[in-house]
């Protein structure tokens, strides 16, 4: 029997989804009504949406079931993923790491049989998302977004092309993390429970993801080739701002250690404190850390954890008892309105699933990970870093959905083979 709080939580979850699709409208209202621009800008921040509605849920729970129940529920949720995304986003976006990645991409771009700016964009859309299987998807999303922002997500780039690029990036990151068993949040939720290791992932999912990512990136570059003017200077780090190799190695070591300790929040948070101290000790080799953007993304994901935790009563029946193909498309559709890691976690709780059912559930969850900002945990990070390149400094949900349709269809075909 459905309880009052379950109904309230579902209603608030629907409000949060509608709010997510309406963020662009709030930005338009901010420009039209400058007197209340601050409030409209706040409501137009997609990273604020789920944290805001999670706060409303906590207030409603305190009123209906008592404050002790609300506090117990909030403390029962697991916030390791939001904390990890925040930390890895800040470390990966630091100047030494970013300069190292840009230098590597510049070298590879010069070796490629294509114009350097086209090669660099292709690498940012293909190689970096696939590297998410090694350095985790949130880190890959951060590096790819910052690498592509100056060239692909420029103000003068046609808006439809920017949405096509954003959709391709989100889809490629979502499926690009399936070459290993530890890098993609939806894979992490089931790998241990279902006994899947990196060899299994590479054999059953990785090669499909590889082909889809390479095809999606190549198709988009064909559309972008006339809009990427020669910018060879953008491929090189500014010689006057060179970071000493030792500082770069230390930053890369911090990033590697955070990734390795991704399941241990106490340890990677302690390491993050050391990282902050190191950046303060050598400020001349740093740009301002992306603490605000990282905190907003963490707030978004924490809100999704709180709101999503009250949706199991209807999500689990919705995905249990379906045929494998129906399970694939059901997971793909539900991923667009929930976090795919939450969806696969619920799937791991269902008993009696066959091996084929499990594969179809995970495949649908990762394939649909680019359709909306909330579909995959790294998406809010990409949206936060790239939205300044879009009209009204916001990303429209409809534009993202349309931009992600073609690369999603490519992934559907490959994962259903």
Foldseek 3Di string as FASTA:
>chain_A
DDDPLLVVLVVLLVVLLVLLQCLLVLLVVLVVCVVCNVVSPQSSQNLCRLLVSLVVSLVVCCVPVNNVVSVVLLVPFDLLVLLLLLLLLLLLLKLLNLQVVLQVLQVVLVVDPDQSQLSSLLCLQAVLLLCLLPLALSSSLNSSLVSCQVFQLAQPHPQLLNLLSLLSSQLLNLLSNQLFQQRFLQSVLCCVLVVNGNVNSNVQRVVLSNVLSNVSSVVSSVVCVVVGPRDSVSSHDDPVLDDPPVVSVVSVVLSNVSSVCSVPSVVNVVSSVVVVVVCVVCVSNTDDGPNVLSVSLSSSVSSLSSSVVSNLVPLLVQQPPDDLVCNLQSLLVVLQSHALSSNSNSVSVDPDQDPSSNLSNNLSLSLNRQQFQRSGSSSSSSQSSRQCSHPSSHDRSVSNNVSNVVSSVSSVVSSVD
